[in-house]
Amino acid sequence: MEQESRLIEARLEQPTEVVAESRRYVSGTLRDREVVTAVSGFGKVAAAATTAWVLDRYAPTCVIFGGVAGGLGLG
């Protein structure tokens, strides 16, 4: 997901980077909309912590998640 996040960040106008709680957040403007990107890491706890931080700091009107979920069957 890091690669996808970087593609969005490359299109941001006036990007600002913040590192908090071992996570990197980049905010800026994309097509006249304020946007924040973040990569939470693995697991639902990391996703919840990242989302809570973004909600508290930026108070977004919309949240979009992208990710991969699955398992590995061995046997």
C-alpha atoms as a PDB file:
ATOM      1  CA  MET A   1       0.000   0.000   0.000  1.00  0.00           C
ATOM      2  CA  GLU A   2       3.004   2.264   0.371  1.00  0.00           C
ATOM      3  CA  GLN A   3       3.387   2.462  -3.406  1.00  0.00           C
ATOM      4  CA  GLU A   4      -0.260   3.431  -3.926  1.00  0.00           C
ATOM      5  CA  SER A   5      -0.044   6.083  -1.225  1.00  0.00           C
ATOM      6  CA  ARG A   6       3.072   7.586  -2.852  1.00  0.00           C
ATOM      7  CA  LEU A   7       1.216   7.898  -6.179  1.00  0.00           C
ATOM      8  CA  ILE A   8      -1.460  10.012  -4.491  1.00  0.00           C
ATOM      9  CA  GLU A   9       1.121  12.043  -2.587  1.00  0.00           C
ATOM     10  CA  ALA A  10       2.925  12.886  -5.831  1.00  0.00           C
ATOM     11  CA  ARG A  11      -0.235  14.653  -7.059  1.00  0.00           C
ATOM     12  CA  LEU A  12      -0.812  16.720  -3.910  1.00  0.00           C
ATOM     13  CA  GLU A  13      -0.392  20.473  -4.007  1.00  0.00           C
ATOM     14  CA  GLN A  14       1.524  21.883  -1.031  1.00  0.00           C
ATOM     15  CA  PRO A  15       2.101  18.514   0.678  1.00  0.00           C
ATOM     16  CA  THR A  16       2.848  18.524   4.395  1.00  0.00           C
ATOM     17  CA  GLU A  17       4.322  15.489   6.131  1.00  0.00           C
ATOM     18  CA  VAL A  18       3.733  14.605   9.778  1.00  0.00           C
ATOM     19  CA  VAL A  19       5.192  11.589  11.580  1.00  0.00           C
ATOM     20  CA  ALA A  20       3.258  10.532  14.670  1.00  0.00           C
ATOM     21  CA  GLU A  21       3.044   7.271  16.552  1.00  0.00           C
ATOM     22  CA  SER A  22       5.506   5.668  14.091  1.00  0.00           C
ATOM     23  CA  ARG A  23       3.260   6.445  11.128  1.00  0.00           C
ATOM     24  CA  ARG A  24       3.683   8.916   8.286  1.00  0.00           C
ATOM     25  CA  TYR A  25       0.783  11.163   7.302  1.00  0.00           C
ATOM     26  CA  VAL A  26       0.852  13.449   4.261  1.00  0.00           C
ATOM     27  CA  SER A  27      -1.771  16.114   3.730  1.00  0.00           C
ATOM     28  CA  GLY A  28      -2.333  18.483   0.844  1.00  0.00           C
ATOM     29  CA  THR A  29      -4.793  19.538  -1.828  1.00  0.00           C
ATOM     30  CA  LEU A  30      -5.935  17.325  -4.692  1.00  0.00           C
ATOM     31  CA  ARG A  31      -8.410  18.807  -7.194  1.00  0.00           C
ATOM     32  CA  ASP A  32      -9.454  21.495  -4.711  1.00  0.00           C
ATOM     33  CA  ARG A  33     -10.057  18.944  -1.919  1.00  0.00           C
ATOM     34  CA  GLU A  34      -8.069  18.573   1.265  1.00  0.00           C
ATOM     35  CA  VAL A  35      -6.589  15.057   1.346  1.00  0.00           C
ATOM     36  CA  VAL A  36      -4.636  13.049   3.920  1.00  0.00           C
ATOM     37  CA  THR A  37      -2.803   9.821   3.151  1.00  0.00           C
ATOM     38  CA  ALA A  38      -1.439   7.313   5.632  1.00  0.00           C
ATOM     39  CA  VAL A  39      -0.263   3.714   5.620  1.00  0.00           C
ATOM     40  CA  SER A  40      -1.332   2.043   8.842  1.00  0.00           C
ATOM     41  CA  GLY A  41       0.636  -1.164   8.696  1.00  0.00           C
ATOM     42  CA  PHE A  42      -0.634  -4.664   9.360  1.00  0.00           C
ATOM     43  CA  GLY A  43      -3.756  -5.612  11.255  1.00  0.00           C
ATOM     44  CA  LYS A  44      -6.998  -4.189  12.491  1.00  0.00           C
ATOM     45  CA  VAL A  45      -5.425  -2.570  15.565  1.00  0.00           C
ATOM     46  CA  ALA A  46      -2.992  -0.578  13.413  1.00  0.00           C
ATOM     47  CA  ALA A  47      -5.812   0.404  11.050  1.00  0.00           C
ATOM     48  CA  ALA A  48      -8.002   1.527  13.950  1.00  0.00           C
ATOM     49  CA  ALA A  49      -5.195   3.539  15.577  1.00  0.00           C
ATOM     50  CA  THR A  50      -4.318   5.268  12.319  1.00  0.00           C
ATOM     51  CA  THR A  51      -7.959   6.065  11.586  1.00  0.00           C
ATOM     52  CA  ALA A  52      -8.524   7.430  15.097  1.00  0.00           C
ATOM     53  CA  TRP A  53      -5.482   9.712  14.777  1.00  0.00           C
ATOM     54  CA  VAL A  54      -6.650  11.054  11.395  1.00  0.00           C
ATOM     55  CA  LEU A  55     -10.205  11.596  12.687  1.00  0.00           C
ATOM     56  CA  ASP A  56      -8.918  13.465  15.723  1.00  0.00           C
ATOM     57  CA  ARG A  57      -6.373  15.623  13.897  1.00  0.00           C
ATOM     58  CA  TYR A  58      -8.131  16.388  10.608  1.00  0.00           C
ATOM     59  CA  ALA A  59     -11.870  15.747  11.244  1.00  0.00           C
ATOM     60  CA  PRO A  60     -12.469  14.492   7.696  1.00  0.00           C
ATOM     61  CA  THR A  61     -15.915  14.385   6.128  1.00  0.00           C
ATOM     62  CA  CYS A  62     -15.044  11.171   4.288  1.00  0.00           C
ATOM     63  CA  VAL A  63     -12.648   8.268   4.874  1.00  0.00           C
ATOM     64  CA  ILE A  64     -11.568   5.871   2.120  1.00  0.00           C
ATOM     65  CA  PHE A  65      -9.728   2.662   2.943  1.00  0.00           C
ATOM     66  CA  GLY A  66      -7.676   0.499   0.644  1.00  0.00           C
ATOM     67  CA  GLY A  67      -5.957  -2.669   1.588  1.00  0.00           C
ATOM     68  CA  VAL A  68      -5.425  -6.347   1.311  1.00  0.00           C
ATOM     69  CA  ALA A  69      -6.947  -9.007   3.500  1.00  0.00           C
ATOM     70  CA  GLY A  70      -6.545 -12.706   3.269  1.00  0.00           C
ATOM     71  CA  GLY A  71      -4.956 -15.817   4.541  1.00  0.00           C
ATOM     72  CA  LEU A  72      -2.517 -18.438   3.487  1.00  0.00           C
ATOM     73  CA  GLY A  73      -3.787 -21.986   3.411  1.00  0.00           C
ATOM     74  CA  LEU A  74      -0.988 -24.442   4.092  1.00  0.00           C
ATOM     75  CA  GLY A  75      -2.018 -27.968   3.586  1.00  0.00           C
END
